[in-house]
Amino acid sequence: MIPVISVVGYSNSGKTTFVVKLIKEFKKRGFKIATIKHHHKNIEMDAPGKDTWKHARAGADTVVLACPGQLGIFEKSSRELSLDEIVSRISGVDLIITEGYKKEDKPKIEVFRSEVHTSLISPPKELLAVASDTHFPDVPVFGLDDAPGLVDFLSEKLSLRSR
């Protein structure tokens, strides 16, 4: 079972910026990482006018773009898949980092900026840690630039070992 952590927080709190810092730090240490980004509305996944876009618009239910060193799969779905359904399709990595999914029952790291909001989005009991510019009691807090410290913490807490 691949461990999953969800990076959550209010809009404009810096979730994506922090996820990128975590990915870079895990990669420096030899970990294989997958990410899953949740978006609350439908977005265009492919570039309009490209061949794969044309295939999908013609009615293909699954479109695969394969090239040396990369594989992209675009699938239509009649409903929003659960996080566990998406996770079950991923293999060959040491950790899955999600961005969003604040309502899912996965260990969470909240990104919190005091100039953006006044309270956490998650109850402290749901949090592994907080990345913030301020202190919170009852939960480990790491600075917004302390990806190395948080990766140390997560590696120990989740018993992560690079391949």
Protein backbone atom coordinates (compact mmCIF):
# COMPACT_ATOMS: atom_id res chain seq x y z
CA MET A 1 0.00 0.00 0.00
CA ILE A 2 1.47 3.34 -1.06
CA PRO A 3 1.23 6.02 1.65
CA VAL A 4 -0.91 9.04 0.76
CA ILE A 5 -0.72 12.51 2.28
CA SER A 6 -3.02 15.39 1.40
CA VAL A 7 -1.79 18.98 1.36
CA VAL A 8 -4.78 21.15 2.20
CA GLY A 9 -5.50 24.77 2.98
CA TYR A 10 -7.57 27.76 2.01
CA SER A 11 -7.44 29.18 -1.50
CA ASN A 12 -4.30 31.29 -2.04
CA SER A 13 -2.54 29.81 0.98
CA GLY A 14 0.36 28.51 -1.12
CA LYS A 15 -0.55 24.82 -1.39
CA THR A 16 0.90 24.34 -4.88
CA THR A 17 4.09 26.19 -4.02
CA PHE A 18 4.54 24.01 -0.95
CA VAL A 19 3.74 20.77 -2.82
CA VAL A 20 6.44 21.67 -5.36
CA LYS A 21 8.95 22.20 -2.52
CA LEU A 22 8.03 18.81 -1.03
CA ILE A 23 8.36 17.05 -4.40
CA LYS A 24 11.80 18.57 -5.01
CA GLU A 25 13.03 17.61 -1.53
CA PHE A 26 11.72 14.03 -1.79
CA LYS A 27 13.29 13.68 -5.26
CA LYS A 28 16.67 14.93 -3.96
CA ARG A 29 16.51 12.04 -1.50
CA GLY A 30 15.77 9.43 -4.17
CA PHE A 31 12.03 8.96 -3.64
CA LYS A 32 9.58 8.27 -6.44
CA ILE A 33 6.58 10.57 -6.04
CA ALA A 34 3.10 10.70 -7.58
CA THR A 35 0.78 13.66 -7.21
CA ILE A 36 -2.97 14.01 -7.52
CA LYS A 37 -4.46 17.48 -7.85
CA HIS A 38 -8.14 17.92 -7.03
CA HIS A 39 -10.08 20.64 -8.79
CA HIS A 40 -13.63 21.56 -7.85
CA LYS A 41 -14.82 22.10 -11.44
CA ASN A 42 -14.25 20.54 -14.86
CA ILE A 43 -11.22 21.80 -16.76
CA GLU A 44 -9.82 21.14 -20.22
CA MET A 45 -7.13 18.46 -19.77
CA ASP A 46 -5.77 18.55 -23.31
CA ALA A 47 -4.71 21.33 -25.65
CA PRO A 48 -7.50 22.33 -28.05
CA GLY A 49 -6.61 21.53 -31.64
CA LYS A 50 -4.07 18.80 -30.81
CA ASP A 51 -4.58 15.30 -32.19
CA THR A 52 -5.47 13.79 -28.80
CA TRP A 53 -8.00 16.58 -28.24
CA LYS A 54 -9.55 15.76 -31.62
CA HIS A 55 -9.72 12.05 -30.69
CA ALA A 56 -11.56 12.87 -27.46
CA ARG A 57 -13.94 15.28 -29.21
CA ALA A 58 -14.69 12.56 -31.77
CA GLY A 59 -15.93 10.35 -28.93
CA ALA A 60 -13.00 8.29 -27.66
CA ASP A 61 -13.60 7.36 -24.02
CA THR A 62 -9.89 6.91 -23.30
CA VAL A 63 -7.09 8.68 -25.13
CA VAL A 64 -3.47 7.73 -24.51
CA LEU A 65 -0.57 9.93 -25.55
CA ALA A 66 2.63 7.89 -25.60
CA CYS A 67 6.08 9.20 -26.39
CA PRO A 68 9.64 8.37 -25.27
CA GLY A 69 9.77 8.76 -21.51
CA GLN A 70 6.16 9.89 -21.01
CA LEU A 71 2.65 8.50 -20.98
CA GLY A 72 -0.53 10.51 -20.63
CA ILE A 73 -3.95 8.93 -20.23
CA PHE A 74 -7.14 10.96 -20.55
CA GLU A 75 -10.31 9.15 -19.52
CA LYS A 76 -13.94 10.18 -19.51
CA SER A 77 -15.81 9.31 -16.35
CA SER A 78 -19.52 9.30 -15.65
CA ARG A 79 -18.83 10.51 -12.09
CA GLU A 80 -16.08 11.94 -9.98
CA LEU A 81 -13.81 9.12 -8.84
CA SER A 82 -13.01 8.83 -5.15
CA LEU A 83 -9.47 9.44 -4.03
CA ASP A 84 -9.10 5.75 -3.16
CA GLU A 85 -10.20 4.78 -6.69
CA ILE A 86 -7.57 7.09 -8.18
CA VAL A 87 -4.88 5.91 -5.76
CA SER A 88 -5.59 2.28 -6.68
CA ARG A 89 -4.50 3.05 -10.27
CA ILE A 90 -1.04 4.27 -9.22
CA SER A 91 1.96 1.99 -8.73
CA GLY A 92 5.72 2.13 -8.66
CA VAL A 93 6.07 5.12 -6.35
CA ASP A 94 7.08 5.60 -2.71
CA LEU A 95 4.53 8.29 -1.81
CA ILE A 96 1.43 9.92 -3.25
CA ILE A 97 0.94 13.60 -2.46
CA THR A 98 -2.50 15.03 -3.10
CA GLU A 99 -3.36 18.68 -3.29
CA GLY A 100 -6.84 19.36 -2.03
CA TYR A 101 -9.08 16.53 -0.88
CA LYS A 102 -9.63 18.25 2.47
CA LYS A 103 -12.73 16.11 3.13
CA GLU A 104 -10.98 12.77 2.49
CA ASP A 105 -9.77 10.61 5.36
CA LYS A 106 -6.05 10.83 4.58
CA PRO A 107 -3.23 12.23 6.71
CA LYS A 108 -3.11 15.97 6.08
CA ILE A 109 -0.58 18.74 6.04
CA GLU A 110 -2.19 22.15 6.10
CA VAL A 111 -0.55 25.17 4.52
CA PHE A 112 -1.53 28.24 6.52
CA ARG A 113 -0.52 31.87 6.02
CA SER A 114 -1.53 34.26 8.77
CA GLU A 115 -2.06 37.12 6.31
CA VAL A 116 -4.62 35.07 4.35
CA HIS A 117 -6.81 33.46 7.06
CA THR A 118 -7.35 33.45 10.80
CA SER A 119 -8.02 29.78 11.55
CA LEU A 120 -7.10 26.33 10.25
CA ILE A 121 -9.38 24.69 7.69
CA SER A 122 -8.88 21.26 9.36
CA PRO A 123 -9.35 20.18 12.95
CA PRO A 124 -5.88 19.66 14.54
CA LYS A 125 -6.68 15.97 15.18
CA GLU A 126 -6.78 15.40 11.38
CA LEU A 127 -3.38 16.99 10.80
CA LEU A 128 0.04 15.38 10.65
CA ALA A 129 1.58 18.84 10.53
CA VAL A 130 1.12 22.45 9.50
CA ALA A 131 3.37 24.48 7.21
CA SER A 132 2.97 28.04 8.40
CA ASP A 133 4.38 31.41 9.32
CA THR A 134 2.77 31.15 12.76
CA HIS A 135 2.55 28.69 15.66
CA PHE A 136 -0.32 26.32 16.47
CA PRO A 137 -0.59 24.28 19.64
CA ASP A 138 -1.27 20.54 19.47
CA VAL A 139 0.24 20.00 16.00
CA PRO A 140 3.80 20.02 14.65
CA VAL A 141 4.51 23.24 12.73
CA PHE A 142 7.14 23.69 10.02
CA GLY A 143 8.11 26.91 8.32
CA LEU A 144 6.82 27.59 4.83
CA ASP A 145 10.39 27.14 3.54
CA ASP A 146 11.20 24.11 5.69
CA ALA A 147 10.44 21.32 3.21
CA PRO A 148 13.59 19.47 4.37
CA GLY A 149 12.35 19.42 7.97
CA LEU A 150 8.89 18.27 6.95
CA VAL A 151 10.34 15.54 4.69
CA ASP A 152 12.45 14.32 7.64
CA PHE A 153 9.31 14.28 9.80
CA LEU A 154 7.17 12.51 7.17
CA SER A 155 9.87 9.95 6.39
CA GLU A 156 9.98 8.96 10.03
CA LYS A 157 6.24 9.23 10.75
CA LEU A 158 5.24 7.23 7.65
CA SER A 159 8.27 4.89 7.69
CA LEU A 160 9.18 5.99 4.16
CA ARG A 161 12.20 4.44 2.46
CA SER A 162 13.38 5.46 -1.00
CA ARG A 163 13.84 2.72 -3.58
